[in-house]
Amino acid sequence: MSDVIAQIKEQIESNTVLLYMKGNPNQPQCGFSARTVSALMECGKRFAYVDILSNPEIRAQLPAYANWPTFPQLWVQGELVGGCDIITEMAENGELKTLIDAALPSED
């Protein structure tokens, strides 16, 4: 297993909610990443992210690892949830908040 794949696995395993995206949540570098970040932020929970533009090895390797060709990619509890279209649809019908709330219970 390559070092990059090991790094991807470690990132996914150590972050309950992880978004692989172009740019960062404050400055997304593509419309799909921006829409996905917006949907996630509406859930009101913290999430981790990896900027694939500043990590070209991950950008090159993740699609094969995930068997998902595009970015962004949202991972929750080690499972690939999907990309922008899926996340946007889940946000609209309430499934995304339910998923995120279940993965990240309130700390109060």
N, C-alpha and C. Protein backbone atom coordinates (compact mmCIF):
# COMPACT_ATOMS: atom_id res chain seq x y z
N MET A 1 0.85 -1.19 0.00
CA MET A 1 0.00 0.00 0.00
C MET A 1 0.89 1.25 0.00
N SER A 2 0.55 2.20 -0.85
CA SER A 2 1.37 3.40 -0.95
C SER A 2 1.19 4.28 0.28
N ASP A 3 2.16 5.16 0.48
CA ASP A 3 2.09 6.10 1.60
C ASP A 3 0.86 7.00 1.48
N VAL A 4 0.52 7.37 0.25
CA VAL A 4 -0.62 8.27 0.05
C VAL A 4 -1.92 7.57 0.45
N ILE A 5 -2.07 6.31 0.03
CA ILE A 5 -3.27 5.55 0.41
C ILE A 5 -3.33 5.38 1.92
N ALA A 6 -2.20 5.13 2.54
CA ALA A 6 -2.15 5.02 4.00
C ALA A 6 -2.57 6.34 4.65
N GLN A 7 -2.13 7.45 4.08
CA GLN A 7 -2.49 8.76 4.60
C GLN A 7 -4.00 9.00 4.45
N ILE A 8 -4.55 8.65 3.31
CA ILE A 8 -6.00 8.80 3.08
C ILE A 8 -6.77 7.97 4.10
N LYS A 9 -6.37 6.71 4.27
CA LYS A 9 -7.05 5.83 5.24
C LYS A 9 -7.00 6.43 6.63
N GLU A 10 -5.85 6.95 7.01
CA GLU A 10 -5.68 7.54 8.34
C GLU A 10 -6.57 8.77 8.50
N GLN A 11 -6.65 9.60 7.47
CA GLN A 11 -7.51 10.79 7.53
C GLN A 11 -8.97 10.39 7.71
N ILE A 12 -9.41 9.40 6.94
CA ILE A 12 -10.81 8.97 6.99
C ILE A 12 -11.13 8.34 8.35
N GLU A 13 -10.19 7.55 8.86
CA GLU A 13 -10.42 6.87 10.14
C GLU A 13 -10.37 7.82 11.33
N SER A 14 -9.58 8.88 11.25
CA SER A 14 -9.41 9.75 12.42
C SER A 14 -10.34 10.96 12.42
N ASN A 15 -11.15 11.14 11.39
CA ASN A 15 -12.11 12.26 11.33
C ASN A 15 -13.50 11.71 11.08
N THR A 16 -14.40 11.94 12.04
CA THR A 16 -15.75 11.40 11.93
C THR A 16 -16.45 11.94 10.68
N VAL A 17 -16.31 13.25 10.46
CA VAL A 17 -16.88 13.88 9.26
C VAL A 17 -15.75 14.57 8.53
N LEU A 18 -15.48 14.12 7.31
CA LEU A 18 -14.33 14.60 6.54
C LEU A 18 -14.76 14.92 5.12
N LEU A 19 -14.40 16.12 4.68
CA LEU A 19 -14.71 16.55 3.33
C LEU A 19 -13.42 16.75 2.55
N TYR A 20 -13.28 16.01 1.47
CA TYR A 20 -12.20 16.26 0.51
C TYR A 20 -12.76 17.26 -0.49
N MET A 21 -12.11 18.42 -0.58
CA MET A 21 -12.67 19.50 -1.40
C MET A 21 -11.58 20.31 -2.08
N LYS A 22 -12.00 21.16 -2.99
CA LYS A 22 -11.08 22.10 -3.64
C LYS A 22 -11.14 23.40 -2.86
N GLY A 23 -10.02 23.77 -2.25
CA GLY A 23 -9.97 24.96 -1.41
C GLY A 23 -10.26 24.61 0.03
N ASN A 24 -10.79 25.59 0.79
CA ASN A 24 -11.14 25.35 2.18
C ASN A 24 -12.54 25.90 2.43
N PRO A 25 -13.14 25.55 3.57
CA PRO A 25 -14.53 25.96 3.80
C PRO A 25 -14.76 27.47 3.70
N ASN A 26 -13.76 28.26 4.04
CA ASN A 26 -13.93 29.72 3.95
C ASN A 26 -13.71 30.25 2.54
N GLN A 27 -12.96 29.51 1.73
CA GLN A 27 -12.68 29.92 0.36
C GLN A 27 -12.70 28.72 -0.57
N PRO A 28 -13.87 28.16 -0.82
CA PRO A 28 -13.94 27.03 -1.75
C PRO A 28 -13.46 27.47 -3.13
N GLN A 29 -12.79 26.55 -3.83
CA GLN A 29 -12.22 26.88 -5.13
C GLN A 29 -13.04 26.34 -6.30
N CYS A 30 -14.21 25.82 -6.02
CA CYS A 30 -15.11 25.44 -7.11
C CYS A 30 -16.55 25.48 -6.58
N GLY A 31 -17.49 25.62 -7.49
CA GLY A 31 -18.89 25.73 -7.11
C GLY A 31 -19.42 24.50 -6.39
N PHE A 32 -18.96 23.31 -6.83
CA PHE A 32 -19.43 22.07 -6.19
C PHE A 32 -18.96 22.02 -4.74
N SER A 33 -17.70 22.38 -4.50
CA SER A 33 -17.19 22.41 -3.13
C SER A 33 -17.94 23.45 -2.31
N ALA A 34 -18.22 24.60 -2.90
CA ALA A 34 -18.93 25.67 -2.19
C ALA A 34 -20.33 25.21 -1.76
N ARG A 35 -21.05 24.54 -2.67
CA ARG A 35 -22.40 24.07 -2.34
C ARG A 35 -22.36 23.00 -1.26
N THR A 36 -21.37 22.12 -1.34
CA THR A 36 -21.26 21.05 -0.35
C THR A 36 -20.93 21.62 1.03
N VAL A 37 -19.99 22.56 1.08
CA VAL A 37 -19.63 23.22 2.34
C VAL A 37 -20.85 23.91 2.94
N SER A 38 -21.60 24.61 2.11
CA SER A 38 -22.79 25.32 2.58
C SER A 38 -23.78 24.34 3.21
N ALA A 39 -24.03 23.22 2.55
CA ALA A 39 -24.94 22.20 3.08
C ALA A 39 -24.44 21.66 4.41
N LEU A 40 -23.13 21.40 4.50
CA LEU A 40 -22.55 20.88 5.74
C LEU A 40 -22.64 21.91 6.87
N MET A 41 -22.34 23.17 6.55
CA MET A 41 -22.37 24.20 7.59
C MET A 41 -23.77 24.38 8.15
N GLU A 42 -24.78 24.16 7.32
CA GLU A 42 -26.16 24.28 7.80
C GLU A 42 -26.48 23.23 8.85
N CYS A 43 -25.71 22.16 8.91
CA CYS A 43 -25.92 21.12 9.93
C CYS A 43 -25.42 21.58 11.29
N GLY A 44 -24.59 22.61 11.32
CA GLY A 44 -24.17 23.22 12.58
C GLY A 44 -23.13 22.45 13.36
N LYS A 45 -22.41 21.54 12.70
CA LYS A 45 -21.38 20.78 13.42
C LYS A 45 -20.03 21.03 12.75
N ARG A 46 -18.98 20.87 13.53
CA ARG A 46 -17.63 20.99 12.97
C ARG A 46 -17.33 19.79 12.08
N PHE A 47 -16.56 20.04 11.04
CA PHE A 47 -16.12 18.93 10.19
C PHE A 47 -14.69 19.20 9.74
N ALA A 48 -13.99 18.13 9.46
CA ALA A 48 -12.62 18.24 8.97
C ALA A 48 -12.66 18.33 7.45
N TYR A 49 -11.59 18.88 6.88
CA TYR A 49 -11.50 18.93 5.43
C TYR A 49 -10.06 18.75 4.99
N VAL A 50 -9.90 18.33 3.75
CA VAL A 50 -8.59 18.25 3.12
C VAL A 50 -8.71 19.00 1.79
N ASP A 51 -7.83 19.97 1.59
CA ASP A 51 -7.79 20.71 0.33
C ASP A 51 -6.99 19.89 -0.68
N ILE A 52 -7.69 19.33 -1.66
CA ILE A 52 -6.99 18.47 -2.62
C ILE A 52 -6.12 19.28 -3.58
N LEU A 53 -6.37 20.58 -3.70
CA LEU A 53 -5.53 21.40 -4.57
C LEU A 53 -4.13 21.56 -3.99
N SER A 54 -4.02 21.58 -2.66
CA SER A 54 -2.70 21.68 -2.05
C SER A 54 -2.14 20.29 -1.69
N ASN A 55 -2.87 19.24 -2.04
CA ASN A 55 -2.43 17.85 -1.82
C ASN A 55 -2.61 17.05 -3.11
N PRO A 56 -1.78 17.33 -4.12
CA PRO A 56 -1.99 16.70 -5.43
C PRO A 56 -1.90 15.17 -5.40
N GLU A 57 -1.12 14.60 -4.47
CA GLU A 57 -1.03 13.14 -4.40
C GLU A 57 -2.37 12.56 -3.97
N ILE A 58 -3.01 13.21 -3.00
CA ILE A 58 -4.32 12.74 -2.55
C ILE A 58 -5.33 12.93 -3.68
N ARG A 59 -5.25 14.07 -4.36
CA ARG A 59 -6.17 14.33 -5.47
C ARG A 59 -6.05 13.24 -6.54
N ALA A 60 -4.83 12.76 -6.75
CA ALA A 60 -4.59 11.73 -7.77
C ALA A 60 -5.05 10.35 -7.31
N GLN A 61 -4.87 10.03 -6.03
CA GLN A 61 -5.10 8.68 -5.53
C GLN A 61 -6.51 8.43 -4.99
N LEU A 62 -7.14 9.46 -4.42
CA LEU A 62 -8.42 9.25 -3.75
C LEU A 62 -9.52 8.70 -4.66
N PRO A 63 -9.67 9.20 -5.90
CA PRO A 63 -10.76 8.65 -6.73
C PRO A 63 -10.69 7.13 -6.89
N ALA A 64 -9.49 6.58 -7.04
CA ALA A 64 -9.35 5.13 -7.16
C ALA A 64 -9.64 4.44 -5.83
N TYR A 65 -9.15 5.02 -4.74
CA TYR A 65 -9.38 4.44 -3.42
C TYR A 65 -10.88 4.42 -3.10
N ALA A 66 -11.54 5.55 -3.39
CA ALA A 66 -12.95 5.69 -3.04
C ALA A 66 -13.87 5.07 -4.08
N ASN A 67 -13.32 4.77 -5.26
CA ASN A 67 -14.14 4.34 -6.39
C ASN A 67 -15.20 5.40 -6.70
N TRP A 68 -14.78 6.66 -6.62
CA TRP A 68 -15.65 7.82 -6.85
C TRP A 68 -14.80 8.84 -7.60
N PRO A 69 -15.15 9.19 -8.83
CA PRO A 69 -14.22 9.93 -9.69
C PRO A 69 -14.10 11.42 -9.42
N THR A 70 -15.03 12.02 -8.69
CA THR A 70 -15.07 13.48 -8.62
C THR A 70 -14.90 14.01 -7.20
N PHE A 71 -14.70 15.30 -7.12
CA PHE A 71 -14.62 16.01 -5.84
C PHE A 71 -15.70 17.08 -5.84
N PRO A 72 -16.21 17.46 -4.69
CA PRO A 72 -15.82 17.01 -3.35
C PRO A 72 -16.32 15.60 -3.03
N GLN A 73 -15.75 15.06 -1.96
CA GLN A 73 -16.19 13.77 -1.43
C GLN A 73 -16.41 13.94 0.06
N LEU A 74 -17.59 13.55 0.53
CA LEU A 74 -17.89 13.60 1.95
C LEU A 74 -17.84 12.20 2.54
N TRP A 75 -17.05 12.06 3.59
CA TRP A 75 -16.92 10.80 4.31
C TRP A 75 -17.46 10.99 5.72
N VAL A 76 -18.32 10.09 6.16
CA VAL A 76 -18.87 10.13 7.51
C VAL A 76 -18.68 8.76 8.15
N GLN A 77 -18.01 8.75 9.29
CA GLN A 77 -17.73 7.52 10.03
C GLN A 77 -17.12 6.45 9.13
N GLY A 78 -16.15 6.87 8.32
CA GLY A 78 -15.40 5.93 7.50
C GLY A 78 -16.08 5.49 6.22
N GLU A 79 -17.28 6.01 5.95
CA GLU A 79 -18.03 5.62 4.75
C GLU A 79 -18.14 6.82 3.81
N LEU A 80 -17.96 6.57 2.53
CA LEU A 80 -18.17 7.61 1.53
C LEU A 80 -19.67 7.86 1.39
N VAL A 81 -20.09 9.08 1.65
CA VAL A 81 -21.50 9.45 1.49
C VAL A 81 -21.76 9.83 0.04
N GLY A 82 -20.88 10.63 -0.53
CA GLY A 82 -21.03 11.01 -1.93
C GLY A 82 -20.47 12.39 -2.21
N GLY A 83 -20.88 12.92 -3.36
CA GLY A 83 -20.40 14.21 -3.81
C GLY A 83 -21.47 15.27 -3.71
N CYS A 84 -21.26 16.35 -4.43
CA CYS A 84 -22.11 17.54 -4.33
C CYS A 84 -23.59 17.24 -4.55
N ASP A 85 -23.94 16.55 -5.62
CA ASP A 85 -25.36 16.32 -5.92
C ASP A 85 -26.05 15.54 -4.81
N ILE A 86 -25.39 14.49 -4.34
CA ILE A 86 -25.96 13.66 -3.27
C ILE A 86 -26.09 14.47 -1.98
N ILE A 87 -25.04 15.21 -1.63
CA ILE A 87 -25.04 15.98 -0.39
C ILE A 87 -26.11 17.07 -0.45
N THR A 88 -26.23 17.75 -1.59
CA THR A 88 -27.23 18.81 -1.74
C THR A 88 -28.64 18.23 -1.59
N GLU A 89 -28.87 17.10 -2.24
CA GLU A 89 -30.18 16.45 -2.15
C GLU A 89 -30.47 16.02 -0.71
N MET A 90 -29.47 15.43 -0.04
CA MET A 90 -29.65 15.01 1.35
C MET A 90 -29.92 16.21 2.26
N ALA A 91 -29.27 17.34 1.98
CA ALA A 91 -29.49 18.54 2.79
C ALA A 91 -30.92 19.04 2.61
N GLU A 92 -31.41 18.99 1.37
CA GLU A 92 -32.76 19.49 1.08
C GLU A 92 -33.83 18.65 1.75
N ASN A 93 -33.62 17.33 1.85
CA ASN A 93 -34.67 16.49 2.43
C ASN A 93 -34.41 16.15 3.91
N GLY A 94 -33.39 16.77 4.50
CA GLY A 94 -33.15 16.61 5.93
C GLY A 94 -32.26 15.43 6.31
N GLU A 95 -31.92 14.58 5.34
CA GLU A 95 -31.12 13.39 5.66
C GLU A 95 -29.70 13.75 6.10
N LEU A 96 -29.14 14.81 5.54
CA LEU A 96 -27.76 15.16 5.87
C LEU A 96 -27.64 15.54 7.34
N LYS A 97 -28.54 16.40 7.81
CA LYS A 97 -28.48 16.80 9.22
C LYS A 97 -28.67 15.60 10.13
N THR A 98 -29.58 14.71 9.79
CA THR A 98 -29.79 13.50 10.58
C THR A 98 -28.51 12.67 10.64
N LEU A 99 -27.87 12.51 9.49
CA LEU A 99 -26.62 11.73 9.41
C LEU A 99 -25.52 12.38 10.24
N ILE A 100 -25.34 13.68 10.08
CA ILE A 100 -24.28 14.40 10.80
C ILE A 100 -24.56 14.41 12.29
N ASP A 101 -25.83 14.64 12.70
CA ASP A 101 -26.18 14.64 14.11
C ASP A 101 -25.93 13.28 14.75
N ALA A 102 -26.21 12.22 14.01
CA ALA A 102 -25.98 10.87 14.53
C ALA A 102 -24.48 10.60 14.67
N ALA A 103 -23.68 11.09 13.72
CA ALA A 103 -22.24 10.87 13.74
C ALA A 103 -21.55 11.71 14.81
N LEU A 104 -22.09 12.92 15.03
CA LEU A 104 -21.49 13.87 15.97
C LEU A 104 -22.53 14.32 16.99
N PRO A 105 -22.79 13.48 18.01
CA PRO A 105 -23.79 13.85 19.02
C PRO A 105 -23.37 15.16 19.73
N SER A 106 -24.35 15.88 20.21
CA SER A 106 -24.08 17.13 20.92
C SER A 106 -23.20 16.86 22.13
N GLU A 107 -22.39 17.87 22.45
CA GLU A 107 -21.47 17.71 23.57
C GLU A 107 -22.05 18.24 24.87
N ASP A 108 -23.34 18.61 24.87
CA ASP A 108 -23.90 19.15 26.11
C ASP A 108 -24.60 18.08 26.94
